[in-house]
Amino acid sequence: MALVEQFRRQGDFLFRYRSFFPIPLFIVGLVYFCFTHYYFTYNATPQYLFYVGLGVGLFGQFIRAIIIGYVPKGTSGRNTEKQVADVLNTKGMYSIVRHPLYLGNFFMWLGIALVTGSVWFVITFCLVYWIYYERIMFAEEAFLREKFGETYLEWANGVPSFIPKISQWKSAGTYFSFRNVLKREYIGLFNLLVILFLFYILSELFTNRWYISFNETFDFVWFGIFVFAIFQFIVVRFLHKKTKILQVEGR
């Protein structure tokens, strides 16, 4: 089998299971984090690193929100069975980078990797992420090239694949739908905040030998973040599943 077909077949396979990619990352990172904190208390994660991880993760969520707020229905979705694209997105975030959703995902998961406090784990994550998603991007671009032909090639020739070129920004040409962002991104935000909170709790338990005092501002900040994550998940899920408030025509 020629490499081009092999790469595409691998990309299509990985595309179907891309939602599960964070799970092994989380498990490996959690095991490594627990091991180093339990046996080497001097490796306790500095408090500022949790804020850095939170900031980087939220930056990734912000990128995804910009995309989801503008894209029309039938694109940039969570489909897993096959590639779907009713139109070719070339404006907004897609005017500066060809795979902005994967760029957003990278920063979200990088935020989690950072709180392990391990440079080697972060480097390993970056390499694994690129190897995994390189195949998916290859398969997606092959699909788009077949469907949109010269229109796709003209766009792809001027837009970088993963590192944005901010100077090329073009307005999305439509209104931003905050309701669409809430409907499609509340689970991702919940996962990000809860996982970071879990790492924080474990760090406190190991550092203080199974004791959390909650007598510092830092403790209450993270407890508040956890409560917010639960609250927004329950409220948005109810609105999404039980009402039509978050339904937006054409989105």
C-alpha atoms as a PDB file:
ATOM      1  CA  MET A   1       0.000   0.000   0.000  1.00  0.00           C
ATOM      2  CA  ALA A   2       1.366   3.413  -0.971  1.00  0.00           C
ATOM      3  CA  LEU A   3       2.156   5.747   1.916  1.00  0.00           C
ATOM      4  CA  VAL A   4      -0.496   8.240   0.838  1.00  0.00           C
ATOM      5  CA  GLU A   5      -3.234   5.580   1.149  1.00  0.00           C
ATOM      6  CA  GLN A   6      -1.705   4.234   4.340  1.00  0.00           C
ATOM      7  CA  PHE A   7      -1.605   7.680   5.937  1.00  0.00           C
ATOM      8  CA  ARG A   8      -5.188   8.355   4.953  1.00  0.00           C
ATOM      9  CA  ARG A   9      -6.446   5.024   6.266  1.00  0.00           C
ATOM     10  CA  GLN A  10      -4.647   5.615   9.557  1.00  0.00           C
ATOM     11  CA  GLY A  11      -6.015   9.153   9.717  1.00  0.00           C
ATOM     12  CA  ASP A  12      -9.597   7.993   9.125  1.00  0.00           C
ATOM     13  CA  PHE A  13      -9.217   5.393  11.881  1.00  0.00           C
ATOM     14  CA  LEU A  14      -7.732   7.868  14.360  1.00  0.00           C
ATOM     15  CA  PHE A  15     -10.397  10.418  13.423  1.00  0.00           C
ATOM     16  CA  ARG A  16     -13.144   8.097  14.648  1.00  0.00           C
ATOM     17  CA  TYR A  17     -11.484   7.750  18.050  1.00  0.00           C
ATOM     18  CA  ARG A  18     -10.064  11.245  18.484  1.00  0.00           C
ATOM     19  CA  SER A  19     -12.444  11.981  21.378  1.00  0.00           C
ATOM     20  CA  PHE A  20     -10.697   9.258  23.390  1.00  0.00           C
ATOM     21  CA  PHE A  21      -7.190  10.636  22.831  1.00  0.00           C
ATOM     22  CA  PRO A  22      -7.161  12.633  26.121  1.00  0.00           C
ATOM     23  CA  ILE A  23      -7.963   9.533  28.198  1.00  0.00           C
ATOM     24  CA  PRO A  24      -4.539   7.810  27.995  1.00  0.00           C
ATOM     25  CA  LEU A  25      -2.899  11.236  28.358  1.00  0.00           C
ATOM     26  CA  PHE A  26      -4.877  11.837  31.528  1.00  0.00           C
ATOM     27  CA  ILE A  27      -4.169   8.356  32.937  1.00  0.00           C
ATOM     28  CA  VAL A  28      -0.423   8.467  32.256  1.00  0.00           C
ATOM     29  CA  GLY A  29      -0.143  12.035  33.539  1.00  0.00           C
ATOM     30  CA  LEU A  30      -2.116  11.200  36.667  1.00  0.00           C
ATOM     31  CA  VAL A  31      -0.021   8.109  37.455  1.00  0.00           C
ATOM     32  CA  TYR A  32       3.214  10.029  36.920  1.00  0.00           C
ATOM     33  CA  PHE A  33       1.924  12.937  39.018  1.00  0.00           C
ATOM     34  CA  CYS A  34       0.894  10.664  41.911  1.00  0.00           C
ATOM     35  CA  PHE A  35       4.163   8.718  41.816  1.00  0.00           C
ATOM     36  CA  THR A  36       6.416  11.783  41.949  1.00  0.00           C
ATOM     37  CA  HIS A  37       4.336  13.553  44.594  1.00  0.00           C
ATOM     38  CA  TYR A  38       4.041  10.521  46.840  1.00  0.00           C
ATOM     39  CA  TYR A  39       7.686   9.461  46.753  1.00  0.00           C
ATOM     40  CA  PHE A  40       9.341  12.843  46.168  1.00  0.00           C
ATOM     41  CA  THR A  41       7.525  15.530  48.147  1.00  0.00           C
ATOM     42  CA  TYR A  42      10.117  18.093  47.099  1.00  0.00           C
ATOM     43  CA  ASN A  43       8.677  17.795  43.581  1.00  0.00           C
ATOM     44  CA  ALA A  44       5.372  19.263  44.737  1.00  0.00           C
ATOM     45  CA  THR A  45       3.821  21.364  41.982  1.00  0.00           C
ATOM     46  CA  PRO A  46       4.229  25.110  42.657  1.00  0.00           C
ATOM     47  CA  GLN A  47       0.936  26.929  43.059  1.00  0.00           C
ATOM     48  CA  TYR A  48       1.664  29.283  40.174  1.00  0.00           C
ATOM     49  CA  LEU A  49       1.918  26.301  37.807  1.00  0.00           C
ATOM     50  CA  PHE A  50      -1.738  25.477  38.393  1.00  0.00           C
ATOM     51  CA  TYR A  51      -2.656  29.006  37.322  1.00  0.00           C
ATOM     52  CA  VAL A  52      -0.422  28.667  34.267  1.00  0.00           C
ATOM     53  CA  GLY A  53      -2.093  25.371  33.383  1.00  0.00           C
ATOM     54  CA  LEU A  54      -5.523  26.924  33.876  1.00  0.00           C
ATOM     55  CA  GLY A  55      -4.626  29.920  31.723  1.00  0.00           C
ATOM     56  CA  VAL A  56      -3.223  27.806  28.900  1.00  0.00           C
ATOM     57  CA  GLY A  57      -6.217  25.459  29.027  1.00  0.00           C
ATOM     58  CA  LEU A  58      -8.705  28.337  28.946  1.00  0.00           C
ATOM     59  CA  PHE A  59      -6.797  29.877  26.043  1.00  0.00           C
ATOM     60  CA  GLY A  60      -7.417  26.661  24.122  1.00  0.00           C
ATOM     61  CA  GLN A  61     -11.082  26.806  25.105  1.00  0.00           C
ATOM     62  CA  PHE A  62     -11.193  30.436  23.913  1.00  0.00           C
ATOM     63  CA  ILE A  63      -9.863  29.405  20.495  1.00  0.00           C
ATOM     64  CA  ARG A  64     -12.543  26.741  20.225  1.00  0.00           C
ATOM     65  CA  ALA A  65     -15.223  29.224  21.312  1.00  0.00           C
ATOM     66  CA  ILE A  66     -14.252  31.688  18.558  1.00  0.00           C
ATOM     67  CA  ILE A  67     -14.577  28.894  16.000  1.00  0.00           C
ATOM     68  CA  ILE A  68     -17.829  27.407  17.268  1.00  0.00           C
ATOM     69  CA  GLY A  69     -19.430  30.824  17.707  1.00  0.00           C
ATOM     70  CA  TYR A  70     -19.196  31.553  13.994  1.00  0.00           C
ATOM     71  CA  VAL A  71     -19.253  28.271  12.065  1.00  0.00           C
ATOM     72  CA  PRO A  72     -22.416  27.146  10.251  1.00  0.00           C
ATOM     73  CA  LYS A  73     -24.156  23.833  10.847  1.00  0.00           C
ATOM     74  CA  GLY A  74     -22.515  20.813   9.233  1.00  0.00           C
ATOM     75  CA  THR A  75     -18.919  21.874   9.832  1.00  0.00           C
ATOM     76  CA  SER A  76     -16.448  21.732  12.741  1.00  0.00           C
ATOM     77  CA  GLY A  77     -18.576  19.102  14.414  1.00  0.00           C
ATOM     78  CA  ARG A  78     -18.010  16.131  16.708  1.00  0.00           C
ATOM     79  CA  ASN A  79     -18.909  13.540  14.080  1.00  0.00           C
ATOM     80  CA  THR A  80     -16.944  10.317  14.419  1.00  0.00           C
ATOM     81  CA  GLU A  81     -18.228   7.896  11.776  1.00  0.00           C
ATOM     82  CA  LYS A  82     -16.925   9.805   8.757  1.00  0.00           C
ATOM     83  CA  GLN A  83     -15.712  13.178   7.511  1.00  0.00           C
ATOM     84  CA  VAL A  84     -18.485  15.772   7.141  1.00  0.00           C
ATOM     85  CA  ALA A  85     -18.320  19.217   5.549  1.00  0.00           C
ATOM     86  CA  ASP A  86     -21.299  20.898   3.903  1.00  0.00           C
ATOM     87  CA  VAL A  87     -19.273  24.031   3.159  1.00  0.00           C
ATOM     88  CA  LEU A  88     -15.590  24.932   3.164  1.00  0.00           C
ATOM     89  CA  ASN A  89     -14.749  27.285   6.038  1.00  0.00           C
ATOM     90  CA  THR A  90     -12.263  29.932   4.883  1.00  0.00           C
ATOM     91  CA  LYS A  91     -13.074  32.885   7.155  1.00  0.00           C
ATOM     92  CA  GLY A  92     -12.670  33.694  10.837  1.00  0.00           C
ATOM     93  CA  MET A  93     -10.190  31.346  12.487  1.00  0.00           C
ATOM     94  CA  TYR A  94     -10.039  29.342   9.254  1.00  0.00           C
ATOM     95  CA  SER A  95      -8.525  32.336   7.476  1.00  0.00           C
ATOM     96  CA  ILE A  96      -5.376  32.141   9.628  1.00  0.00           C
ATOM     97  CA  VAL A  97      -4.989  28.381  10.226  1.00  0.00           C
ATOM     98  CA  ARG A  98      -6.427  25.281   8.539  1.00  0.00           C
ATOM     99  CA  HIS A  99      -6.994  23.224  11.699  1.00  0.00           C
ATOM    100  CA  PRO A 100      -7.987  25.687  14.444  1.00  0.00           C
ATOM    101  CA  LEU A 101     -10.032  23.184  16.468  1.00  0.00           C
ATOM    102  CA  TYR A 102      -7.010  20.932  16.888  1.00  0.00           C
ATOM    103  CA  LEU A 103      -4.955  23.976  17.807  1.00  0.00           C
ATOM    104  CA  GLY A 104      -7.497  24.761  20.541  1.00  0.00           C
ATOM    105  CA  ASN A 105      -7.439  21.149  21.722  1.00  0.00           C
ATOM    106  CA  PHE A 106      -3.655  21.268  21.900  1.00  0.00           C
ATOM    107  CA  PHE A 107      -3.647  24.197  24.317  1.00  0.00           C
ATOM    108  CA  MET A 108      -6.440  22.722  26.433  1.00  0.00           C
ATOM    109  CA  TRP A 109      -4.563  19.466  26.934  1.00  0.00           C
ATOM    110  CA  LEU A 110      -1.219  21.240  27.222  1.00  0.00           C
ATOM    111  CA  GLY A 111      -2.646  23.081  30.237  1.00  0.00           C
ATOM    112  CA  ILE A 112      -3.304  19.727  31.886  1.00  0.00           C
ATOM    113  CA  ALA A 113       0.146  18.397  30.954  1.00  0.00           C
ATOM    114  CA  LEU A 114       1.821  21.457  32.481  1.00  0.00           C
ATOM    115  CA  VAL A 115       0.466  20.835  35.989  1.00  0.00           C
ATOM    116  CA  THR A 116       2.406  17.575  36.179  1.00  0.00           C
ATOM    117  CA  GLY A 117       5.432  19.800  36.674  1.00  0.00           C
ATOM    118  CA  SER A 118       7.507  17.601  34.348  1.00  0.00           C
ATOM    119  CA  VAL A 119       9.302  19.074  31.357  1.00  0.00           C
ATOM    120  CA  TRP A 120       9.776  15.591  29.911  1.00  0.00           C
ATOM    121  CA  PHE A 121       6.081  14.767  30.192  1.00  0.00           C
ATOM    122  CA  VAL A 122       5.172  18.014  28.414  1.00  0.00           C
ATOM    123  CA  ILE A 123       7.664  17.299  25.616  1.00  0.00           C
ATOM    124  CA  THR A 124       6.376  13.737  25.274  1.00  0.00           C
ATOM    125  CA  PHE A 125       2.794  15.001  25.119  1.00  0.00           C
ATOM    126  CA  CYS A 126       3.667  17.463  22.332  1.00  0.00           C
ATOM    127  CA  LEU A 127       5.356  14.757  20.266  1.00  0.00           C
ATOM    128  CA  VAL A 128       2.537  12.236  20.735  1.00  0.00           C
ATOM    129  CA  TYR A 129      -0.076  14.877  19.962  1.00  0.00           C
ATOM    130  CA  TRP A 130       1.631  15.833  16.710  1.00  0.00           C
ATOM    131  CA  ILE A 131       2.108  12.220  15.558  1.00  0.00           C
ATOM    132  CA  TYR A 132      -1.539  11.427  16.335  1.00  0.00           C
ATOM    133  CA  TYR A 133      -3.120  14.489  14.775  1.00  0.00           C
ATOM    134  CA  GLU A 134      -0.799  14.691  11.777  1.00  0.00           C
ATOM    135  CA  ARG A 135      -2.519  11.593  10.392  1.00  0.00           C
ATOM    136  CA  ILE A 136      -5.979  12.994  11.125  1.00  0.00           C
ATOM    137  CA  MET A 137      -5.172  16.307   9.432  1.00  0.00           C
ATOM    138  CA  PHE A 138      -3.828  14.425   6.417  1.00  0.00           C
ATOM    139  CA  ALA A 139      -7.071  12.426   6.087  1.00  0.00           C
ATOM    140  CA  GLU A 140      -9.265  15.501   6.565  1.00  0.00           C
ATOM    141  CA  GLU A 141      -7.386  17.480   3.930  1.00  0.00           C
ATOM    142  CA  ALA A 142      -7.592  14.585   1.461  1.00  0.00           C
ATOM    143  CA  PHE A 143     -11.357  14.498   1.990  1.00  0.00           C
ATOM    144  CA  LEU A 144     -11.719  18.269   1.554  1.00  0.00           C
ATOM    145  CA  ARG A 145      -9.567  18.256  -1.565  1.00  0.00           C
ATOM    146  CA  GLU A 146     -11.752  15.590  -3.155  1.00  0.00           C
ATOM    147  CA  LYS A 147     -14.971  17.408  -2.259  1.00  0.00           C
ATOM    148  CA  PHE A 148     -14.064  21.027  -2.976  1.00  0.00           C
ATOM    149  CA  GLY A 149     -11.281  20.652  -5.536  1.00  0.00           C
ATOM    150  CA  GLU A 150      -9.577  23.857  -6.689  1.00  0.00           C
ATOM    151  CA  THR A 151     -11.466  25.939  -4.130  1.00  0.00           C
ATOM    152  CA  TYR A 152      -9.819  23.960  -1.368  1.00  0.00           C
ATOM    153  CA  LEU A 153      -6.361  24.070  -2.988  1.00  0.00           C
ATOM    154  CA  GLU A 154      -6.520  27.840  -3.409  1.00  0.00           C
ATOM    155  CA  TRP A 155      -7.385  28.260   0.267  1.00  0.00           C
ATOM    156  CA  ALA A 156      -4.897  25.669   1.549  1.00  0.00           C
ATOM    157  CA  ASN A 157      -2.004  27.130  -0.450  1.00  0.00           C
ATOM    158  CA  GLY A 158      -2.325  30.427   1.416  1.00  0.00           C
ATOM    159  CA  VAL A 159      -3.234  29.283   4.939  1.00  0.00           C
ATOM    160  CA  PRO A 160      -0.802  27.451   7.295  1.00  0.00           C
ATOM    161  CA  SER A 161      -1.874  24.074   8.656  1.00  0.00           C
ATOM    162  CA  PHE A 162      -1.259  24.524  12.387  1.00  0.00           C
ATOM    163  CA  ILE A 163       0.695  27.673  13.273  1.00  0.00           C
ATOM    164  CA  PRO A 164      -1.658  30.659  12.752  1.00  0.00           C
ATOM    165  CA  LYS A 165      -0.786  33.592  10.544  1.00  0.00           C
ATOM    166  CA  ILE A 166      -2.650  36.363  12.351  1.00  0.00           C
ATOM    167  CA  SER A 167      -2.072  38.968   9.624  1.00  0.00           C
ATOM    168  CA  GLN A 168      -4.389  37.025   7.293  1.00  0.00           C
ATOM    169  CA  TRP A 169      -7.469  37.337   9.524  1.00  0.00           C
ATOM    170  CA  LYS A 170     -10.731  37.767   7.650  1.00  0.00           C
ATOM    171  CA  SER A 171     -14.048  38.492   9.326  1.00  0.00           C
ATOM    172  CA  ALA A 172     -16.326  35.473   9.624  1.00  0.00           C
ATOM    173  CA  GLY A 173     -19.047  37.508   7.939  1.00  0.00           C
ATOM    174  CA  THR A 174     -21.767  36.403  10.354  1.00  0.00           C
ATOM    175  CA  TYR A 175     -22.824  37.020  13.929  1.00  0.00           C
ATOM    176  CA  PHE A 176     -21.248  35.320  16.927  1.00  0.00           C
ATOM    177  CA  SER A 177     -23.580  32.817  18.608  1.00  0.00           C
ATOM    178  CA  PHE A 178     -22.806  32.513  22.314  1.00  0.00           C
ATOM    179  CA  ARG A 179     -25.660  30.032  22.644  1.00  0.00           C
ATOM    180  CA  ASN A 180     -23.999  27.740  20.123  1.00  0.00           C
ATOM    181  CA  VAL A 181     -20.768  27.920  22.120  1.00  0.00           C
ATOM    182  CA  LEU A 182     -22.576  26.980  25.318  1.00  0.00           C
ATOM    183  CA  LYS A 183     -24.355  24.094  23.623  1.00  0.00           C
ATOM    184  CA  ARG A 184     -21.255  22.578  22.070  1.00  0.00           C
ATOM    185  CA  GLU A 185     -18.467  23.439  24.518  1.00  0.00           C
ATOM    186  CA  TYR A 186     -19.867  23.034  28.033  1.00  0.00           C
ATOM    187  CA  ILE A 187     -18.631  19.447  28.352  1.00  0.00           C
ATOM    188  CA  GLY A 188     -15.099  20.336  27.291  1.00  0.00           C
ATOM    189  CA  LEU A 189     -14.940  23.202  29.781  1.00  0.00           C
ATOM    190  CA  PHE A 190     -16.281  20.937  32.521  1.00  0.00           C
ATOM    191  CA  ASN A 191     -13.657  18.280  31.796  1.00  0.00           C
ATOM    192  CA  LEU A 192     -10.827  20.808  31.769  1.00  0.00           C
ATOM    193  CA  LEU A 193     -11.748  22.435  35.089  1.00  0.00           C
ATOM    194  CA  VAL A 194     -12.530  19.195  36.914  1.00  0.00           C
ATOM    195  CA  ILE A 195      -9.295  17.509  35.796  1.00  0.00           C
ATOM    196  CA  LEU A 196      -7.221  20.511  36.893  1.00  0.00           C
ATOM    197  CA  PHE A 197      -9.057  20.540  40.223  1.00  0.00           C
ATOM    198  CA  LEU A 198      -8.326  16.832  40.668  1.00  0.00           C
ATOM    199  CA  PHE A 199      -4.610  17.429  40.119  1.00  0.00           C
ATOM    200  CA  TYR A 200      -4.725  20.280  42.628  1.00  0.00           C
ATOM    201  CA  ILE A 201      -6.460  18.154  45.281  1.00  0.00           C
ATOM    202  CA  LEU A 202      -3.973  15.333  44.809  1.00  0.00           C
ATOM    203  CA  SER A 203      -1.069  17.764  45.089  1.00  0.00           C
ATOM    204  CA  GLU A 204      -2.464  19.087  48.368  1.00  0.00           C
ATOM    205  CA  LEU A 205      -3.075  15.587  49.737  1.00  0.00           C
ATOM    206  CA  PHE A 206       0.410  14.333  48.931  1.00  0.00           C
ATOM    207  CA  THR A 207       2.164  17.515  50.048  1.00  0.00           C
ATOM    208  CA  ASN A 208       0.276  17.718  53.367  1.00  0.00           C
ATOM    209  CA  ARG A 209       0.221  13.944  53.903  1.00  0.00           C
ATOM    210  CA  TRP A 210      -3.474  13.312  53.250  1.00  0.00           C
ATOM    211  CA  TYR A 211      -4.714  16.557  54.781  1.00  0.00           C
ATOM    212  CA  ILE A 212      -6.369  19.601  53.190  1.00  0.00           C
ATOM    213  CA  SER A 213      -6.892  22.585  55.456  1.00  0.00           C
ATOM    214  CA  PHE A 214      -8.698  24.970  53.077  1.00  0.00           C
ATOM    215  CA  ASN A 215      -7.289  27.873  55.039  1.00  0.00           C
ATOM    216  CA  GLU A 216      -5.602  29.689  52.161  1.00  0.00           C
ATOM    217  CA  THR A 217      -7.032  31.862  49.406  1.00  0.00           C
ATOM    218  CA  PHE A 218      -5.535  29.487  46.848  1.00  0.00           C
ATOM    219  CA  ASP A 219      -7.613  26.616  48.248  1.00  0.00           C
ATOM    220  CA  PHE A 220     -10.872  28.548  48.035  1.00  0.00           C
ATOM    221  CA  VAL A 221     -10.123  29.720  44.493  1.00  0.00           C
ATOM    222  CA  TRP A 222      -9.825  26.163  43.245  1.00  0.00           C
ATOM    223  CA  PHE A 223     -12.819  25.004  45.216  1.00  0.00           C
ATOM    224  CA  GLY A 224     -14.778  27.850  43.598  1.00  0.00           C
ATOM    225  CA  ILE A 225     -13.564  26.743  40.160  1.00  0.00           C
ATOM    226  CA  PHE A 226     -14.783  23.220  40.874  1.00  0.00           C
ATOM    227  CA  VAL A 227     -18.206  24.457  42.025  1.00  0.00           C
ATOM    228  CA  PHE A 228     -18.502  26.635  38.905  1.00  0.00           C
ATOM    229  CA  ALA A 229     -17.635  23.659  36.680  1.00  0.00           C
ATOM    230  CA  ILE A 230     -20.405  21.565  38.249  1.00  0.00           C
ATOM    231  CA  PHE A 231     -22.912  24.431  38.153  1.00  0.00           C
ATOM    232  CA  GLN A 232     -22.349  25.349  34.503  1.00  0.00           C
ATOM    233  CA  PHE A 233     -22.506  21.691  33.470  1.00  0.00           C
ATOM    234  CA  ILE A 234     -25.856  21.082  35.186  1.00  0.00           C
ATOM    235  CA  VAL A 235     -27.457  24.318  33.984  1.00  0.00           C
ATOM    236  CA  VAL A 236     -26.274  24.160  30.371  1.00  0.00           C
ATOM    237  CA  ARG A 237     -27.030  20.465  30.047  1.00  0.00           C
ATOM    238  CA  PHE A 238     -30.575  21.080  31.288  1.00  0.00           C
ATOM    239  CA  LEU A 239     -31.054  23.935  28.822  1.00  0.00           C
ATOM    240  CA  HIS A 240     -29.640  21.844  26.007  1.00  0.00           C
ATOM    241  CA  LYS A 241     -31.565  18.639  26.692  1.00  0.00           C
ATOM    242  CA  LYS A 242     -34.857  19.940  28.102  1.00  0.00           C
ATOM    243  CA  THR A 243     -35.434  23.283  26.361  1.00  0.00           C
ATOM    244  CA  LYS A 244     -34.948  24.966  22.997  1.00  0.00           C
ATOM    245  CA  ILE A 245     -33.168  28.017  24.403  1.00  0.00           C
ATOM    246  CA  LEU A 246     -29.792  26.999  22.984  1.00  0.00           C
ATOM    247  CA  GLN A 247     -31.082  26.082  19.547  1.00  0.00           C
ATOM    248  CA  VAL A 248     -29.835  28.477  16.897  1.00  0.00           C
ATOM    249  CA  GLU A 249     -31.107  28.366  13.335  1.00  0.00           C
ATOM    250  CA  GLY A 250     -28.383  27.396  10.895  1.00  0.00           C
ATOM    251  CA  ARG A 251     -25.920  26.472  13.640  1.00  0.00           C
END
